[in-house]
Amino acid sequence: MRFGRVIGRTVFSRQDAGYKGGRFLVVSPMGGKELARGIEDESQPVSDIPSVVVYDNLGAGVGDVIGFVEGAEATAPFAHPIPIDAFNAAIFNRVSYQPPATH
């Protein structure tokens, strides 16, 4: 699972019926540097890591920090095969992160 901050939404003119009940979010992945600053500060800049489009059926909004999975794990919540690269698995209220000590 990776952490990311929702920075927007995307809208499609047509989509597969299997996506019913969800939407697609644009997410800026968060690395250790972003997590160390804390997730409560929504004004922090997005990371240098390329953004990801994530399917969401939990209701995350812009500014929320989510946990998303990619690859084969992203298709696990669906009863039938579906073309998806990333899936929102969690919306976080708080994250406690302490960077590893440097020597």
PDB file of N, CA and C in Angstrom:
ATOM      1  N   MET A   1       0.856  -1.175   0.000  1.00  0.00           N
ATOM      2  CA  MET A   1       0.000   0.000   0.000  1.00  0.00           C
ATOM      3  C   MET A   1       0.896   1.229   0.000  1.00  0.00           C
ATOM      4  N   ARG A   2       0.496   2.217  -0.762  1.00  0.00           N
ATOM      5  CA  ARG A   2       1.194   3.499  -0.792  1.00  0.00           C
ATOM      6  C   ARG A   2       0.255   4.584  -0.271  1.00  0.00           C
ATOM      7  N   PHE A   3       0.847   5.644   0.263  1.00  0.00           N
ATOM      8  CA  PHE A   3       0.081   6.800   0.721  1.00  0.00           C
ATOM      9  C   PHE A   3       0.074   7.848  -0.384  1.00  0.00           C
ATOM     10  N   GLY A   4      -1.012   8.625  -0.449  1.00  0.00           N
ATOM     11  CA  GLY A   4      -1.079   9.714  -1.413  1.00  0.00           C
ATOM     12  C   GLY A   4      -2.121  10.734  -1.001  1.00  0.00           C
ATOM     13  N   ARG A   5      -1.937  11.969  -1.476  1.00  0.00           N
ATOM     14  CA  ARG A   5      -2.905  13.038  -1.212  1.00  0.00           C
ATOM     15  C   ARG A   5      -3.729  13.264  -2.476  1.00  0.00           C
ATOM     16  N   VAL A   6      -5.049  13.312  -2.313  1.00  0.00           N
ATOM     17  CA  VAL A   6      -5.947  13.553  -3.447  1.00  0.00           C
ATOM     18  C   VAL A   6      -5.793  15.012  -3.874  1.00  0.00           C
ATOM     19  N   ILE A   7      -5.444  15.222  -5.146  1.00  0.00           N
ATOM     20  CA  ILE A   7      -5.258  16.577  -5.661  1.00  0.00           C
ATOM     21  C   ILE A   7      -6.287  16.949  -6.719  1.00  0.00           C
ATOM     22  N   GLY A   8      -7.166  16.018  -7.067  1.00  0.00           N
ATOM     23  CA  GLY A   8      -8.195  16.326  -8.056  1.00  0.00           C
ATOM     24  C   GLY A   8      -9.005  15.098  -8.421  1.00  0.00           C
ATOM     25  N   ARG A   9      -9.953  15.319  -9.334  1.00  0.00           N
ATOM     26  CA  ARG A   9     -10.792  14.236  -9.856  1.00  0.00           C
ATOM     27  C   ARG A   9     -10.715  14.257 -11.362  1.00  0.00           C
ATOM     28  N   THR A  10     -11.040  13.146 -11.954  1.00  0.00           N
ATOM     29  CA  THR A  10     -11.127  13.098 -13.404  1.00  0.00           C
ATOM     30  C   THR A  10     -12.494  12.543 -13.780  1.00  0.00           C
ATOM     31  N   VAL A  11     -13.018  13.006 -14.894  1.00  0.00           N
ATOM     32  CA  VAL A  11     -14.344  12.599 -15.351  1.00  0.00           C
ATOM     33  C   VAL A  11     -14.217  12.030 -16.756  1.00  0.00           C
ATOM     34  N   PHE A  12     -14.830  10.883 -16.972  1.00  0.00           N
ATOM     35  CA  PHE A  12     -14.813  10.246 -18.282  1.00  0.00           C
ATOM     36  C   PHE A  12     -16.176  10.393 -18.943  1.00  0.00           C
ATOM     37  N   SER A  13     -16.191  10.511 -20.259  1.00  0.00           N
ATOM     38  CA  SER A  13     -17.467  10.607 -20.959  1.00  0.00           C
ATOM     39  C   SER A  13     -18.166   9.249 -20.983  1.00  0.00           C
ATOM     40  N   ARG A  14     -17.380   8.159 -20.992  1.00  0.00           N
ATOM     41  CA  ARG A  14     -17.935   6.802 -20.925  1.00  0.00           C
ATOM     42  C   ARG A  14     -17.009   5.956 -20.063  1.00  0.00           C
ATOM     43  N   GLN A  15     -17.603   5.014 -19.324  1.00  0.00           N
ATOM     44  CA  GLN A  15     -16.787   4.101 -18.541  1.00  0.00           C
ATOM     45  C   GLN A  15     -17.461   2.740 -18.447  1.00  0.00           C
ATOM     46  N   ASP A  16     -16.689   1.727 -18.138  1.00  0.00           N
ATOM     47  CA  ASP A  16     -17.170   0.362 -18.001  1.00  0.00           C
ATOM     48  C   ASP A  16     -18.222   0.301 -16.892  1.00  0.00           C
ATOM     49  N   ALA A  17     -19.280  -0.470 -17.101  1.00  0.00           N
ATOM     50  CA  ALA A  17     -20.355  -0.593 -16.114  1.00  0.00           C
ATOM     51  C   ALA A  17     -19.863  -1.167 -14.786  1.00  0.00           C
ATOM     52  N   GLY A  18     -18.752  -1.888 -14.792  1.00  0.00           N
ATOM     53  CA  GLY A  18     -18.191  -2.452 -13.573  1.00  0.00           C
ATOM     54  C   GLY A  18     -17.726  -1.407 -12.581  1.00  0.00           C
ATOM     55  N   TYR A  19     -17.520  -0.179 -13.049  1.00  0.00           N
ATOM     56  CA  TYR A  19     -17.076   0.903 -12.176  1.00  0.00           C
ATOM     57  C   TYR A  19     -18.234   1.603 -11.460  1.00  0.00           C
ATOM     58  N   LYS A  20     -19.450   1.101 -11.610  1.00  0.00           N
ATOM     59  CA  LYS A  20     -20.628   1.729 -11.013  1.00  0.00           C
ATOM     60  C   LYS A  20     -20.421   1.969  -9.517  1.00  0.00           C
ATOM     61  N   GLY A  21     -20.755   3.155  -9.059  1.00  0.00           N
ATOM     62  CA  GLY A  21     -20.651   3.479  -7.645  1.00  0.00           C
ATOM     63  C   GLY A  21     -19.333   4.101  -7.238  1.00  0.00           C
ATOM     64  N   GLY A  22     -18.442   4.303  -8.181  1.00  0.00           N
ATOM     65  CA  GLY A  22     -17.145   4.880  -7.846  1.00  0.00           C
ATOM     66  C   GLY A  22     -16.765   5.995  -8.799  1.00  0.00           C
ATOM     67  N   ARG A  23     -15.590   6.541  -8.564  1.00  0.00           N
ATOM     68  CA  ARG A  23     -15.081   7.618  -9.421  1.00  0.00           C
ATOM     69  C   ARG A  23     -13.570   7.529  -9.433  1.00  0.00           C
ATOM     70  N   PHE A  24     -12.945   8.362 -10.225  1.00  0.00           N
ATOM     71  CA  PHE A  24     -11.500   8.339 -10.361  1.00  0.00           C
ATOM     72  C   PHE A  24     -10.889   9.615  -9.797  1.00  0.00           C
ATOM     73  N   LEU A  25      -9.861   9.447  -8.983  1.00  0.00           N
ATOM     74  CA  LEU A  25      -9.177  10.559  -8.336  1.00  0.00           C
ATOM     75  C   LEU A  25      -7.770  10.705  -8.892  1.00  0.00           C
ATOM     76  N   VAL A  26      -7.269  11.927  -8.909  1.00  0.00           N
ATOM     77  CA  VAL A  26      -5.876  12.176  -9.237  1.00  0.00           C
ATOM     78  C   VAL A  26      -5.155  12.298  -7.900  1.00  0.00           C
ATOM     79  N   VAL A  27      -4.128  11.471  -7.706  1.00  0.00           N
ATOM     80  CA  VAL A  27      -3.460  11.362  -6.415  1.00  0.00           C
ATOM     81  C   VAL A  27      -1.966  11.625  -6.564  1.00  0.00           C
ATOM     82  N   SER A  28      -1.440  12.449  -5.671  1.00  0.00           N
ATOM     83  CA  SER A  28      -0.008  12.701  -5.593  1.00  0.00           C
ATOM     84  C   SER A  28       0.567  11.765  -4.537  1.00  0.00           C
ATOM     85  N   PRO A  29       1.352  10.739  -4.946  1.00  0.00           N
ATOM     86  CA  PRO A  29       1.919   9.815  -3.962  1.00  0.00           C
ATOM     87  C   PRO A  29       2.799  10.547  -2.950  1.00  0.00           C
ATOM     88  N   MET A  30       2.812  10.036  -1.733  1.00  0.00           N
ATOM     89  CA  MET A  30       3.598  10.635  -0.662  1.00  0.00           C
ATOM     90  C   MET A  30       4.746   9.709  -0.290  1.00  0.00           C
ATOM     91  N   GLY A  31       5.954  10.263  -0.282  1.00  0.00           N
ATOM     92  CA  GLY A  31       7.128   9.529   0.175  1.00  0.00           C
ATOM     93  C   GLY A  31       7.418   9.907   1.612  1.00  0.00           C
ATOM     94  N   GLY A  32       8.554   9.472   2.107  1.00  0.00           N
ATOM     95  CA  GLY A  32       8.939   9.751   3.481  1.00  0.00           C
ATOM     96  C   GLY A  32       9.009  11.233   3.789  1.00  0.00           C
ATOM     97  N   LYS A  33       9.497  12.027   2.827  1.00  0.00           N
ATOM     98  CA  LYS A  33       9.620  13.474   3.041  1.00  0.00           C
ATOM     99  C   LYS A  33       8.261  14.111   3.298  1.00  0.00           C
ATOM    100  N   GLU A  34       7.260  13.734   2.519  1.00  0.00           N
ATOM    101  CA  GLU A  34       5.921  14.297   2.679  1.00  0.00           C
ATOM    102  C   GLU A  34       5.249  13.786   3.951  1.00  0.00           C
ATOM    103  N   LEU A  35       5.449  12.505   4.272  1.00  0.00           N
ATOM    104  CA  LEU A  35       4.858  11.943   5.485  1.00  0.00           C
ATOM    105  C   LEU A  35       5.459  12.555   6.739  1.00  0.00           C
ATOM    106  N   ALA A  36       6.744  12.877   6.704  1.00  0.00           N
ATOM    107  CA  ALA A  36       7.408  13.468   7.866  1.00  0.00           C
ATOM    108  C   ALA A  36       6.825  14.841   8.201  1.00  0.00           C
ATOM    109  N   ARG A  37       6.307  15.553   7.199  1.00  0.00           N
ATOM    110  CA  ARG A  37       5.694  16.867   7.442  1.00  0.00           C
ATOM    111  C   ARG A  37       4.322  16.743   8.077  1.00  0.00           C
ATOM    112  N   GLY A  38       3.729  15.555   7.999  1.00  0.00           N
ATOM    113  CA  GLY A  38       2.400  15.336   8.579  1.00  0.00           C
ATOM    114  C   GLY A  38       1.311  15.509   7.540  1.00  0.00           C
ATOM    115  N   ILE A  39       0.225  14.785   7.733  1.00  0.00           N
ATOM    116  CA  ILE A  39      -0.852  14.835   6.746  1.00  0.00           C
ATOM    117  C   ILE A  39      -1.884  15.907   7.058  1.00  0.00           C
ATOM    118  N   GLU A  40      -1.823  16.489   8.247  1.00  0.00           N
ATOM    119  CA  GLU A  40      -2.823  17.485   8.627  1.00  0.00           C
ATOM    120  C   GLU A  40      -2.671  18.777   7.833  1.00  0.00           C
ATOM    121  N   ASP A  41      -1.459  19.087   7.378  1.00  0.00           N
ATOM    122  CA  ASP A  41      -1.196  20.316   6.641  1.00  0.00           C
ATOM    123  C   ASP A  41      -1.508  20.111   5.165  1.00  0.00           C
ATOM    124  N   GLU A  42      -2.731  20.483   4.758  1.00  0.00           N
ATOM    125  CA  GLU A  42      -3.149  20.304   3.366  1.00  0.00           C
ATOM    126  C   GLU A  42      -2.484  21.304   2.423  1.00  0.00           C
ATOM    127  N   SER A  43      -1.807  22.303   2.969  1.00  0.00           N
ATOM    128  CA  SER A  43      -1.192  23.313   2.116  1.00  0.00           C
ATOM    129  C   SER A  43       0.174  22.874   1.594  1.00  0.00           C
ATOM    130  N   GLN A  44       0.678  21.735   2.103  1.00  0.00           N
ATOM    131  CA  GLN A  44       1.997  21.300   1.656  1.00  0.00           C
ATOM    132  C   GLN A  44       1.972  20.985   0.169  1.00  0.00           C
ATOM    133  N   PRO A  45       3.078  21.249  -0.510  1.00  0.00           N
ATOM    134  CA  PRO A  45       3.115  20.994  -1.950  1.00  0.00           C
ATOM    135  C   PRO A  45       3.045  19.502  -2.251  1.00  0.00           C
ATOM    136  N   VAL A  46       2.617  19.196  -3.462  1.00  0.00           N
ATOM    137  CA  VAL A  46       2.567  17.800  -3.877  1.00  0.00           C
ATOM    138  C   VAL A  46       3.992  17.299  -4.068  1.00  0.00           C
ATOM    139  N   SER A  47       4.155  15.998  -4.095  1.00  0.00           N
ATOM    140  CA  SER A  47       5.484  15.410  -4.195  1.00  0.00           C
ATOM    141  C   SER A  47       6.010  15.472  -5.630  1.00  0.00           C
ATOM    142  N   ASP A  48       7.279  15.131  -5.760  1.00  0.00           N
ATOM    143  CA  ASP A  48       7.916  15.063  -7.073  1.00  0.00           C
ATOM    144  C   ASP A  48       7.606  13.742  -7.776  1.00  0.00           C
ATOM    145  N   ILE A  49       6.967  12.830  -7.070  1.00  0.00           N
ATOM    146  CA  ILE A  49       6.605  11.532  -7.634  1.00  0.00           C
ATOM    147  C   ILE A  49       5.434  11.748  -8.594  1.00  0.00           C
ATOM    148  N   PRO A  50       5.463  11.145  -9.792  1.00  0.00           N
ATOM    149  CA  PRO A  50       4.361  11.340 -10.748  1.00  0.00           C
ATOM    150  C   PRO A  50       2.997  10.964 -10.156  1.00  0.00           C
ATOM    151  N   SER A  51       1.980  11.729 -10.499  1.00  0.00           N
ATOM    152  CA  SER A  51       0.617  11.488 -10.008  1.00  0.00           C
ATOM    153  C   SER A  51       0.057  10.192 -10.579  1.00  0.00           C
ATOM    154  N   VAL A  52      -0.946   9.659  -9.881  1.00  0.00           N
ATOM    155  CA  VAL A  52      -1.584   8.395 -10.231  1.00  0.00           C
ATOM    156  C   VAL A  52      -3.087   8.619 -10.286  1.00  0.00           C
ATOM    157  N   VAL A  53      -3.766   7.935 -11.211  1.00  0.00           N
ATOM    158  CA  VAL A  53      -5.230   7.947 -11.239  1.00  0.00           C
ATOM    159  C   VAL A  53      -5.692   6.724 -10.466  1.00  0.00           C
ATOM    160  N   VAL A  54      -6.540   6.945  -9.453  1.00  0.00           N
ATOM    161  CA  VAL A  54      -6.944   5.898  -8.516  1.00  0.00           C
ATOM    162  C   VAL A  54      -8.474   5.775  -8.512  1.00  0.00           C
ATOM    163  N   TYR A  55      -8.978   4.554  -8.633  1.00  0.00           N
ATOM    164  CA  TYR A  55     -10.418   4.321  -8.534  1.00  0.00           C
ATOM    165  C   TYR A  55     -10.818   4.407  -7.065  1.00  0.00           C
ATOM    166  N   ASP A  56     -11.906   5.112  -6.780  1.00  0.00           N
ATOM    167  CA  ASP A  56     -12.350   5.334  -5.401  1.00  0.00           C
ATOM    168  C   ASP A  56     -13.835   5.071  -5.269  1.00  0.00           C
ATOM    169  N   ASN A  57     -14.206   4.195  -4.363  1.00  0.00           N
ATOM    170  CA  ASN A  57     -15.625   4.014  -4.038  1.00  0.00           C
ATOM    171  C   ASN A  57     -15.871   4.250  -2.548  1.00  0.00           C
ATOM    172  N   LEU A  58     -14.886   4.895  -1.871  1.00  0.00           N
ATOM    173  CA  LEU A  58     -15.019   5.208  -0.452  1.00  0.00           C
ATOM    174  C   LEU A  58     -15.448   6.650  -0.195  1.00  0.00           C
ATOM    175  N   GLY A  59     -15.311   7.509  -1.193  1.00  0.00           N
ATOM    176  CA  GLY A  59     -15.741   8.893  -1.032  1.00  0.00           C
ATOM    177  C   GLY A  59     -14.657   9.868  -0.625  1.00  0.00           C
ATOM    178  N   ALA A  60     -13.417   9.595  -0.966  1.00  0.00           N
ATOM    179  CA  ALA A  60     -12.322  10.524  -0.641  1.00  0.00           C
ATOM    180  C   ALA A  60     -12.494  11.815  -1.435  1.00  0.00           C
ATOM    181  N   GLY A  61     -12.057  12.921  -0.842  1.00  0.00           N
ATOM    182  CA  GLY A  61     -12.159  14.220  -1.500  1.00  0.00           C
ATOM    183  C   GLY A  61     -10.797  14.877  -1.629  1.00  0.00           C
ATOM    184  N   VAL A  62     -10.765  15.972  -2.343  1.00  0.00           N
ATOM    185  CA  VAL A  62      -9.521  16.717  -2.539  1.00  0.00           C
ATOM    186  C   VAL A  62      -8.953  17.106  -1.176  1.00  0.00           C
ATOM    187  N   GLY A  63      -7.659  16.849  -0.987  1.00  0.00           N
ATOM    188  CA  GLY A  63      -6.976  17.142   0.268  1.00  0.00           C
ATOM    189  C   GLY A  63      -6.856  15.942   1.187  1.00  0.00           C
ATOM    190  N   ASP A  64      -7.690  14.916   0.989  1.00  0.00           N
ATOM    191  CA  ASP A  64      -7.623  13.720   1.833  1.00  0.00           C
ATOM    192  C   ASP A  64      -6.351  12.932   1.543  1.00  0.00           C
ATOM    193  N   VAL A  65      -5.845  12.254   2.567  1.00  0.00           N
ATOM    194  CA  VAL A  65      -4.736  11.326   2.404  1.00  0.00           C
ATOM    195  C   VAL A  65      -5.323   9.926   2.378  1.00  0.00           C
ATOM    196  N   ILE A  66      -4.972   9.181   1.333  1.00  0.00           N
ATOM    197  CA  ILE A  66      -5.523   7.839   1.150  1.00  0.00           C
ATOM    198  C   ILE A  66      -4.397   6.813   1.094  1.00  0.00           C
ATOM    199  N   GLY A  67      -4.780   5.561   1.280  1.00  0.00           N
ATOM    200  CA  GLY A  67      -3.891   4.436   1.057  1.00  0.00           C
ATOM    201  C   GLY A  67      -4.393   3.725  -0.185  1.00  0.00           C
ATOM    202  N   PHE A  68      -3.517   3.574  -1.170  1.00  0.00           N
ATOM    203  CA  PHE A  68      -3.956   2.929  -2.398  1.00  0.00           C
ATOM    204  C   PHE A  68      -3.041   1.771  -2.757  1.00  0.00           C
ATOM    205  N   VAL A  69      -3.627   0.790  -3.434  1.00  0.00           N
ATOM    206  CA  VAL A  69      -2.877  -0.376  -3.888  1.00  0.00           C
ATOM    207  C   VAL A  69      -2.871  -0.362  -5.406  1.00  0.00           C
ATOM    208  N   GLU A  70      -1.837  -0.970  -5.954  1.00  0.00           N
ATOM    209  CA  GLU A  70      -1.683  -0.998  -7.405  1.00  0.00           C
ATOM    210  C   GLU A  70      -1.484  -2.430  -7.886  1.00  0.00           C
ATOM    211  N   GLY A  71      -1.576  -2.613  -9.188  1.00  0.00           N
ATOM    212  CA  GLY A  71      -1.330  -3.918  -9.787  1.00  0.00           C
ATOM    213  C   GLY A  71      -2.469  -4.883  -9.548  1.00  0.00           C
ATOM    214  N   ALA A  72      -2.121  -6.169  -9.443  1.00  0.00           N
ATOM    215  CA  ALA A  72      -3.137  -7.217  -9.288  1.00  0.00           C
ATOM    216  C   ALA A  72      -3.983  -7.012  -8.037  1.00  0.00           C
ATOM    217  N   GLU A  73      -3.384  -6.478  -6.964  1.00  0.00           N
ATOM    218  CA  GLU A  73      -4.133  -6.248  -5.723  1.00  0.00           C
ATOM    219  C   GLU A  73      -5.268  -5.250  -5.921  1.00  0.00           C
ATOM    220  N   ALA A  74      -5.124  -4.347  -6.875  1.00  0.00           N
ATOM    221  CA  ALA A  74      -6.164  -3.341  -7.131  1.00  0.00           C
ATOM    222  C   ALA A  74      -7.436  -3.968  -7.678  1.00  0.00           C
ATOM    223  N   THR A  75      -7.332  -5.114  -8.310  1.00  0.00           N
ATOM    224  CA  THR A  75      -8.517  -5.762  -8.885  1.00  0.00           C
ATOM    225  C   THR A  75      -9.227  -6.675  -7.882  1.00  0.00           C
ATOM    226  N   ALA A  76      -8.613  -6.943  -6.736  1.00  0.00           N
ATOM    227  CA  ALA A  76      -9.169  -7.890  -5.758  1.00  0.00           C
ATOM    228  C   ALA A  76     -10.585  -7.557  -5.280  1.00  0.00           C
ATOM    229  N   PRO A  77     -10.964  -6.280  -5.086  1.00  0.00           N
ATOM    230  CA  PRO A  77     -12.316  -6.001  -4.583  1.00  0.00           C
ATOM    231  C   PRO A  77     -13.437  -6.277  -5.586  1.00  0.00           C
ATOM    232  N   PHE A  78     -13.107  -6.557  -6.828  1.00  0.00           N
ATOM    233  CA  PHE A  78     -14.119  -6.737  -7.859  1.00  0.00           C
ATOM    234  C   PHE A  78     -14.389  -8.214  -8.102  1.00  0.00           C
ATOM    235  N   ALA A  79     -15.658  -8.549  -8.326  1.00  0.00           N
ATOM    236  CA  ALA A  79     -16.068  -9.939  -8.527  1.00  0.00           C
ATOM    237  C   ALA A  79     -15.634 -10.491  -9.886  1.00  0.00           C
ATOM    238  N   HIS A  80     -15.405  -9.619 -10.842  1.00  0.00           N
ATOM    239  CA  HIS A  80     -15.023 -10.049 -12.184  1.00  0.00           C
ATOM    240  C   HIS A  80     -13.796  -9.238 -12.634  1.00  0.00           C
ATOM    241  N   PRO A  81     -13.061  -9.743 -13.617  1.00  0.00           N
ATOM    242  CA  PRO A  81     -11.886  -8.997 -14.082  1.00  0.00           C
ATOM    243  C   PRO A  81     -12.272  -7.591 -14.568  1.00  0.00           C
ATOM    244  N   ILE A  82     -11.466  -6.612 -14.189  1.00  0.00           N
ATOM    245  CA  ILE A  82     -11.754  -5.228 -14.541  1.00  0.00           C
ATOM    246  C   ILE A  82     -10.428  -4.512 -14.817  1.00  0.00           C
ATOM    247  N   PRO A  83     -10.398  -3.678 -15.831  1.00  0.00           N
ATOM    248  CA  PRO A  83      -9.138  -2.978 -16.141  1.00  0.00           C
ATOM    249  C   PRO A  83      -8.903  -1.801 -15.200  1.00  0.00           C
ATOM    250  N   ILE A  84      -8.082  -2.014 -14.187  1.00  0.00           N
ATOM    251  CA  ILE A  84      -7.822  -0.967 -13.204  1.00  0.00           C
ATOM    252  C   ILE A  84      -6.362  -1.082 -12.759  1.00  0.00           C
ATOM    253  N   ASP A  85      -5.728   0.051 -12.539  1.00  0.00           N
ATOM    254  CA  ASP A  85      -4.322   0.068 -12.128  1.00  0.00           C
ATOM    255  C   ASP A  85      -4.134   0.386 -10.657  1.00  0.00           C
ATOM    256  N   ALA A  86      -5.047   1.165 -10.056  1.00  0.00           N
ATOM    257  CA  ALA A  86      -4.899   1.555  -8.652  1.00  0.00           C
ATOM    258  C   ALA A  86      -6.283   1.679  -8.007  1.00  0.00           C
ATOM    259  N   PHE A  87      -6.371   1.285  -6.741  1.00  0.00           N
ATOM    260  CA  PHE A  87      -7.632   1.242  -6.006  1.00  0.00           C
ATOM    261  C   PHE A  87      -7.443   1.874  -4.634  1.00  0.00           C
ATOM    262  N   ASN A  88      -8.364   2.761  -4.241  1.00  0.00           N
ATOM    263  CA  ASN A  88      -8.320   3.394  -2.925  1.00  0.00           C
ATOM    264  C   ASN A  88      -8.802   2.393  -1.875  1.00  0.00           C
ATOM    265  N   ALA A  89      -7.897   2.015  -0.955  1.00  0.00           N
ATOM    266  CA  ALA A  89      -8.231   1.038   0.068  1.00  0.00           C
ATOM    267  C   ALA A  89      -8.540   1.662   1.428  1.00  0.00           C
ATOM    268  N   ALA A  90      -8.139   2.940   1.637  1.00  0.00           N
ATOM    269  CA  ALA A  90      -8.328   3.558   2.954  1.00  0.00           C
ATOM    270  C   ALA A  90      -8.257   5.073   2.861  1.00  0.00           C
ATOM    271  N   ILE A  91      -8.982   5.744   3.756  1.00  0.00           N
ATOM    272  CA  ILE A  91      -8.884   7.202   3.933  1.00  0.00           C
ATOM    273  C   ILE A  91      -8.356   7.403   5.350  1.00  0.00           C
ATOM    274  N   PHE A  92      -7.244   8.132   5.476  1.00  0.00           N
ATOM    275  CA  PHE A  92      -6.599   8.300   6.778  1.00  0.00           C
ATOM    276  C   PHE A  92      -6.958   9.626   7.428  1.00  0.00           C
ATOM    277  N   ASN A  93      -7.219   9.581   8.725  1.00  0.00           N
ATOM    278  CA  ASN A  93      -7.441  10.784   9.526  1.00  0.00           C
ATOM    279  C   ASN A  93      -6.142  11.272  10.125  1.00  0.00           C
ATOM    280  N   ARG A  94      -5.260  10.322  10.449  1.00  0.00           N
ATOM    281  CA  ARG A  94      -3.998  10.661  11.102  1.00  0.00           C
ATOM    282  C   ARG A  94      -2.959   9.612  10.720  1.00  0.00           C
ATOM    283  N   VAL A  95      -1.727  10.051  10.542  1.00  0.00           N
ATOM    284  CA  VAL A  95      -0.608   9.152  10.285  1.00  0.00           C
ATOM    285  C   VAL A  95       0.551   9.604  11.154  1.00  0.00           C
ATOM    286  N   SER A  96       1.176   8.674  11.848  1.00  0.00           N
ATOM    287  CA  SER A  96       2.364   8.971  12.640  1.00  0.00           C
ATOM    288  C   SER A  96       3.553   8.330  11.942  1.00  0.00           C
ATOM    289  N   TYR A  97       4.497   9.147  11.509  1.00  0.00           N
ATOM    290  CA  TYR A  97       5.650   8.643  10.768  1.00  0.00           C
ATOM    291  C   TYR A  97       6.927   9.260  11.340  1.00  0.00           C
ATOM    292  N   GLN A  98       7.890   8.397  11.626  1.00  0.00           N
ATOM    293  CA  GLN A  98       9.191   8.863  12.079  1.00  0.00           C
ATOM    294  C   GLN A  98      10.220   8.346  11.092  1.00  0.00           C
ATOM    295  N   PRO A  99      10.918   9.248  10.396  1.00  0.00           N
ATOM    296  CA  PRO A  99      11.918   8.812   9.423  1.00  0.00           C
ATOM    297  C   PRO A  99      13.009   7.980  10.087  1.00  0.00           C
ATOM    298  N   PRO A 100      13.598   7.047   9.344  1.00  0.00           N
ATOM    299  CA  PRO A 100      14.681   6.261   9.916  1.00  0.00           C
ATOM    300  C   PRO A 100      15.866   7.146  10.279  1.00  0.00           C
ATOM    301  N   ALA A 101      16.579   6.776  11.312  1.00  0.00           N
ATOM    302  CA  ALA A 101      17.757   7.541  11.739  1.00  0.00           C
ATOM    303  C   ALA A 101      18.857   7.417  10.694  1.00  0.00           C
ATOM    304  N   THR A 102      19.529   8.512  10.428  1.00  0.00           N
ATOM    305  CA  THR A 102      20.653   8.488   9.483  1.00  0.00           C
ATOM    306  C   THR A 102      21.946   8.364  10.266  1.00  0.00           C
ATOM    307  N   HIS A 103      22.888   7.682   9.703  1.00  0.00           N
ATOM    308  CA  HIS A 103      24.162   7.452  10.393  1.00  0.00           C
ATOM    309  C   HIS A 103      25.210   8.395   9.901  1.00  0.00           C
TER     310      HIS A 103
END
